[in-house]
Amino acid sequence: MFPIEHDTFWILYKEVENNFWAAEDFIFTDDIKLLYQLPKPIFNTLLNLLSFHINLDNKLICRPVDITLELLSEVQIAEARAFYGFQLTDENIHTETICSMFQLFNQQLDTNIGMDKIIWLYNECENNKCFFKRVLLLVIMKLLFYCSINILRDYLLKEKLLPTFITAFDSITNDRIIHTRFAHCTFRLLQNKMLESEVLEIIKQALKLEYQFILQYFTIQFFNLSTNLAATGKGTNFTAMECTSSNEDTNTEVAHFGAGREPDTVTEK
């Protein structure tokens, strides 16, 4: 790996490494009394959101860990391989954390929750050899299909409920933000890119699925959400835009990645 040739990849690798945490860091039983005092709509919504992420992690080919393994097996840049190796660890920890939350409910897993999103992801991932598209789908899973949890998390924070759950959700979010910034760097570096129209169409489809998921599993009146897409989907639309654009103001290193260099080939052995 040394000498370091790709500074931004290395910086992000060190960031994700230093951000390491474990599922055991959270004692979810501390929240169990509050959990069973939740209003029924909140209890059911939380259960359904956790169920979706467990169902996704149980689906071969389109679950995050499988896509990351594929990317790791194909990427040639040493710093990128190091990052994907740690991203893989994060994804396993996220799965364990969400399963630990779910166990407190003492409920059977409903394998139908979020199946529309999972089937769509499976169809997009199956036999897909485009590196760019797989990175994009991974970002959609981690950001756009996590919007529903962020809505619930904000409600719990406002109502001062389930502090351990909130902290765990925030830890997962922080990891996924780093993963997404790495994906943005990869988008810039790749020589074989998707057409902008194709990218926008995929994001549009994913956005519609997430919006429908929110309407299906959230009690609109209880969460003070509007059934109007422009109102309810404001944050979701913003997240959709974040799938392909990095925050240049807060990360100069990432924003100017590759400045003055010729593009490198990330894949294609």
Protein backbone atom coordinates (compact mmCIF):
# COMPACT_ATOMS: atom_id res chain seq x y z
CA MET A 1 0.00 0.00 0.00
CA PHE A 2 2.90 2.36 0.67
CA PRO A 3 3.85 4.82 -0.67
CA ILE A 4 0.33 6.28 -0.66
CA GLU A 5 -0.71 7.24 -4.20
CA HIS A 6 -4.34 8.28 -3.67
CA ASP A 7 -4.47 10.70 -0.78
CA THR A 8 -8.23 11.17 -0.61
CA PHE A 9 -8.97 7.45 -0.58
CA TRP A 10 -6.37 7.10 2.18
CA ILE A 11 -7.87 9.98 4.20
CA LEU A 12 -11.32 8.40 4.00
CA TYR A 13 -9.91 4.99 4.93
CA LYS A 14 -8.31 6.46 8.06
CA GLU A 15 -11.55 8.28 8.86
CA VAL A 16 -13.69 5.15 8.63
CA GLU A 17 -11.07 3.22 10.60
CA ASN A 18 -11.02 5.81 13.40
CA ASN A 19 -14.83 5.83 13.45
CA PHE A 20 -14.95 2.15 14.41
CA TRP A 21 -17.52 0.98 16.93
CA ALA A 22 -19.24 -2.31 17.79
CA ALA A 23 -22.82 -3.42 18.38
CA GLU A 24 -21.87 -4.25 21.97
CA ASP A 25 -21.30 -0.54 22.60
CA PHE A 26 -25.08 -0.17 22.89
CA ILE A 27 -27.10 -1.71 25.70
CA PHE A 28 -30.52 -1.70 24.07
CA THR A 29 -32.17 -3.22 27.13
CA ASP A 30 -31.70 0.21 28.72
CA ASP A 31 -34.51 1.36 26.40
CA ILE A 32 -36.81 -1.63 26.87
CA LYS A 33 -39.15 0.08 29.32
CA LEU A 34 -39.54 3.07 27.01
CA LEU A 35 -39.94 0.74 24.03
CA TYR A 36 -42.99 -0.97 25.48
CA GLN A 37 -44.46 2.36 26.55
CA LEU A 38 -44.38 3.68 22.98
CA PRO A 39 -47.69 4.53 21.33
CA LYS A 40 -48.75 1.63 19.15
CA PRO A 41 -48.19 3.50 15.84
CA ILE A 42 -44.58 4.30 16.82
CA PHE A 43 -43.94 0.78 18.07
CA ASN A 44 -45.23 -0.75 14.83
CA THR A 45 -43.39 1.72 12.61
CA LEU A 46 -40.08 1.03 14.32
CA LEU A 47 -40.66 -2.72 14.09
CA ASN A 48 -41.46 -2.46 10.37
CA LEU A 49 -38.43 -0.32 9.57
CA LEU A 50 -36.07 -2.70 11.35
CA SER A 51 -37.77 -5.62 9.57
CA PHE A 52 -37.08 -4.08 6.17
CA HIS A 53 -33.36 -3.74 6.84
CA ILE A 54 -33.16 -7.30 8.16
CA ASN A 55 -35.03 -8.56 5.09
CA LEU A 56 -32.61 -6.67 2.84
CA ASP A 57 -29.61 -8.13 4.67
CA ASN A 58 -31.09 -11.60 4.16
CA LYS A 59 -31.45 -11.17 0.39
CA LEU A 60 -28.50 -12.55 -1.55
CA ILE A 61 -27.03 -10.53 -4.43
CA CYS A 62 -28.59 -7.17 -3.50
CA ARG A 63 -27.65 -6.89 0.18
CA PRO A 64 -24.92 -4.31 0.90
CA VAL A 65 -22.31 -6.82 2.04
CA ASP A 66 -22.55 -8.80 -1.22
CA ILE A 67 -22.11 -5.71 -3.39
CA THR A 68 -19.17 -4.50 -1.33
CA LEU A 69 -17.54 -7.93 -1.64
CA GLU A 70 -17.88 -7.71 -5.42
CA LEU A 71 -16.36 -4.23 -5.50
CA LEU A 72 -13.51 -5.35 -3.24
CA SER A 73 -12.74 -8.30 -5.52
CA GLU A 74 -12.52 -6.06 -8.60
CA VAL A 75 -10.90 -2.84 -7.42
CA GLN A 76 -7.17 -2.44 -8.08
CA ILE A 77 -6.24 0.68 -6.11
CA ALA A 78 -4.72 -0.37 -2.80
CA GLU A 79 -6.23 2.47 -0.76
CA ALA A 80 -9.67 1.68 -2.19
CA ARG A 81 -9.27 -1.99 -1.31
CA ALA A 82 -8.40 -1.00 2.26
CA PHE A 83 -11.50 1.17 2.47
CA TYR A 84 -13.84 -1.48 1.08
CA GLY A 85 -12.41 -3.97 3.55
CA PHE A 86 -13.41 -1.70 6.42
CA GLN A 87 -16.74 -0.85 4.81
CA LEU A 88 -17.48 -4.57 4.81
CA THR A 89 -16.82 -4.67 8.56
CA ASP A 90 -19.14 -1.69 9.08
CA GLU A 91 -21.94 -3.38 7.14
CA ASN A 92 -21.71 -6.51 9.27
CA ILE A 93 -21.80 -4.36 12.42
CA HIS A 94 -24.84 -2.46 11.14
CA THR A 95 -26.65 -5.74 10.53
CA GLU A 96 -25.81 -7.01 14.01
CA THR A 97 -26.92 -3.73 15.58
CA ILE A 98 -30.29 -3.67 13.82
CA CYS A 99 -30.88 -7.34 14.67
CA SER A 100 -30.09 -6.60 18.32
CA MET A 101 -32.74 -3.88 18.31
CA PHE A 102 -35.25 -6.19 16.65
CA GLN A 103 -34.76 -8.93 19.24
CA LEU A 104 -36.22 -6.67 21.94
CA PHE A 105 -39.61 -6.77 20.23
CA ASN A 106 -40.06 -10.53 20.68
CA GLN A 107 -41.86 -10.62 17.34
CA GLN A 108 -41.67 -12.89 14.32
CA LEU A 109 -39.94 -11.31 11.35
CA ASP A 110 -42.40 -10.30 8.65
CA THR A 111 -40.49 -11.18 5.49
CA ASN A 112 -42.87 -9.13 3.32
CA ILE A 113 -41.89 -5.76 4.78
CA GLY A 114 -40.29 -3.53 2.14
CA MET A 115 -40.35 -6.27 -0.47
CA ASP A 116 -41.07 -3.79 -3.28
CA LYS A 117 -37.76 -2.05 -2.61
CA ILE A 118 -35.89 -5.33 -2.22
CA ILE A 119 -37.24 -6.82 -5.46
CA TRP A 120 -36.33 -3.62 -7.30
CA LEU A 121 -32.79 -3.73 -5.90
CA TYR A 122 -32.46 -7.41 -6.76
CA ASN A 123 -33.52 -6.82 -10.35
CA GLU A 124 -31.08 -3.91 -10.70
CA CYS A 125 -28.20 -5.87 -9.14
CA GLU A 126 -28.69 -9.25 -10.79
CA ASN A 127 -26.12 -9.87 -13.54
CA ASN A 128 -25.03 -6.24 -13.33
CA LYS A 129 -21.33 -5.88 -14.20
CA CYS A 130 -21.22 -2.08 -14.28
CA PHE A 131 -18.97 -0.91 -11.41
CA PHE A 132 -20.48 2.59 -11.45
CA LYS A 133 -24.04 1.26 -11.18
CA ARG A 134 -23.19 -1.06 -8.30
CA VAL A 135 -21.63 1.82 -6.38
CA LEU A 136 -24.73 3.91 -7.10
CA LEU A 137 -27.09 1.17 -5.90
CA LEU A 138 -25.05 0.81 -2.73
CA VAL A 139 -25.42 4.54 -2.07
CA ILE A 140 -29.17 4.30 -2.68
CA MET A 141 -29.42 1.50 -0.11
CA LYS A 142 -27.39 3.38 2.46
CA LEU A 143 -28.86 6.86 2.00
CA LEU A 144 -32.17 6.96 0.18
CA PHE A 145 -33.59 3.72 1.60
CA TYR A 146 -32.55 4.88 5.08
CA CYS A 147 -34.70 8.04 4.92
CA SER A 148 -37.59 6.38 6.73
CA ILE A 149 -35.38 5.58 9.71
CA ASN A 150 -34.16 9.18 9.78
CA ILE A 151 -37.76 10.43 9.93
CA LEU A 152 -38.48 8.15 12.86
CA ARG A 153 -35.18 9.00 14.53
CA ASP A 154 -36.01 12.73 14.40
CA TYR A 155 -39.40 12.05 15.98
CA LEU A 156 -37.86 9.96 18.77
CA LEU A 157 -35.29 12.67 19.45
CA LYS A 158 -37.97 15.37 19.61
CA GLU A 159 -40.06 13.30 22.03
CA LYS A 160 -37.00 12.21 24.05
CA LEU A 161 -37.66 8.52 23.45
CA LEU A 162 -35.28 5.55 23.08
CA PRO A 163 -31.95 7.40 23.51
CA THR A 164 -29.88 4.24 22.97
CA PHE A 165 -31.68 3.49 19.71
CA ILE A 166 -31.12 7.08 18.57
CA THR A 167 -27.39 6.93 19.31
CA ALA A 168 -27.08 3.65 17.43
CA PHE A 169 -28.97 5.04 14.43
CA ASP A 170 -26.65 8.06 14.45
CA SER A 171 -23.58 5.80 14.50
CA ILE A 172 -24.87 3.88 11.48
CA THR A 173 -25.64 7.16 9.70
CA ASN A 174 -22.14 8.53 10.35
CA ASP A 175 -20.58 5.41 8.81
CA ARG A 176 -22.85 5.59 5.80
CA ILE A 177 -21.99 9.24 5.22
CA ILE A 178 -18.30 8.28 5.01
CA HIS A 179 -19.15 5.38 2.69
CA THR A 180 -21.08 7.80 0.47
CA ARG A 181 -18.27 10.33 0.33
CA PHE A 182 -15.99 7.50 -0.76
CA ALA A 183 -18.52 6.57 -3.44
CA HIS A 184 -18.51 10.17 -4.69
CA CYS A 185 -14.72 9.98 -5.07
CA THR A 186 -15.13 6.73 -6.97
CA PHE A 187 -17.70 8.29 -9.32
CA ARG A 188 -15.16 10.97 -10.26
CA LEU A 189 -12.36 8.51 -10.82
CA LEU A 190 -14.16 5.93 -12.92
CA GLN A 191 -13.63 6.17 -16.66
CA ASN A 192 -16.70 4.11 -17.57
CA LYS A 193 -19.61 6.17 -16.27
CA MET A 194 -23.35 5.80 -16.70
CA LEU A 195 -25.30 8.33 -18.71
CA GLU A 196 -26.75 11.11 -16.58
CA SER A 197 -30.24 10.22 -17.80
CA GLU A 198 -29.76 6.62 -16.63
CA VAL A 199 -28.55 7.73 -13.20
CA LEU A 200 -31.48 10.11 -12.78
CA GLU A 201 -33.96 7.43 -13.80
CA ILE A 202 -32.61 4.98 -11.22
CA ILE A 203 -32.72 7.61 -8.48
CA LYS A 204 -36.23 8.64 -9.54
CA GLN A 205 -37.44 5.04 -9.25
CA ALA A 206 -35.77 4.59 -5.86
CA LEU A 207 -37.22 7.87 -4.58
CA LYS A 208 -40.72 6.80 -5.54
CA LEU A 209 -40.27 3.46 -3.77
CA GLU A 210 -39.04 5.11 -0.57
CA TYR A 211 -41.89 7.61 -0.60
CA GLN A 212 -44.44 4.80 -1.05
CA PHE A 213 -42.76 2.86 1.76
CA ILE A 214 -43.07 5.85 4.10
CA LEU A 215 -46.76 6.28 3.27
CA GLN A 216 -47.38 2.58 3.83
CA TYR A 217 -45.62 2.12 7.16
CA PHE A 218 -45.97 5.52 8.84
CA THR A 219 -49.18 6.78 10.41
CA ILE A 220 -49.29 10.07 8.50
CA GLN A 221 -51.41 12.02 10.99
CA PHE A 222 -49.47 10.74 14.00
CA PHE A 223 -46.09 11.78 12.58
CA ASN A 224 -47.52 15.08 11.32
CA LEU A 225 -46.53 14.21 7.77
CA SER A 226 -48.29 15.50 4.69
CA THR A 227 -49.50 13.19 1.95
CA ASN A 228 -48.26 15.82 -0.49
CA LEU A 229 -45.02 14.63 -2.10
CA ALA A 230 -43.50 18.11 -2.06
CA ALA A 231 -43.98 18.39 1.71
CA THR A 232 -43.36 14.86 2.92
CA GLY A 233 -40.61 14.20 0.42
CA LYS A 234 -38.57 17.35 0.98
CA GLY A 235 -35.92 15.58 3.03
CA THR A 236 -36.18 12.46 0.89
CA ASN A 237 -35.67 14.51 -2.28
CA PHE A 238 -32.63 16.17 -0.73
CA THR A 239 -31.20 12.76 0.16
CA ALA A 240 -31.80 11.58 -3.40
CA MET A 241 -29.69 14.49 -4.68
CA GLU A 242 -26.97 13.56 -2.18
CA CYS A 243 -26.68 10.14 -3.82
CA THR A 244 -24.52 11.60 -6.58
CA SER A 245 -23.24 14.93 -5.22
CA SER A 246 -20.78 15.42 -2.42
CA ASN A 247 -20.69 18.35 -0.03
CA GLU A 248 -17.82 20.37 -1.42
CA ASP A 249 -18.03 23.07 1.24
CA THR A 250 -17.34 20.72 4.15
CA ASN A 251 -14.71 18.49 2.56
CA THR A 252 -12.19 20.21 0.35
CA GLU A 253 -10.06 17.09 0.04
CA VAL A 254 -12.96 15.14 -1.41
CA ALA A 255 -14.25 18.02 -3.52
CA HIS A 256 -10.93 18.47 -5.31
CA PHE A 257 -10.03 14.81 -5.58
CA GLY A 258 -8.00 14.13 -8.69
CA ALA A 259 -7.37 17.78 -9.48
CA GLY A 260 -4.48 18.01 -11.90
CA ARG A 261 -4.31 14.23 -12.41
CA GLU A 262 -5.28 11.94 -15.19
CA PRO A 263 -8.16 9.59 -14.25
CA ASP A 264 -7.06 6.24 -12.89
CA THR A 265 -8.67 2.93 -13.68
CA VAL A 266 -10.35 1.59 -10.56
CA THR A 267 -11.52 -1.69 -12.03
CA GLU A 268 -11.17 -3.75 -15.16
CA LYS A 269 -8.49 -6.32 -14.37
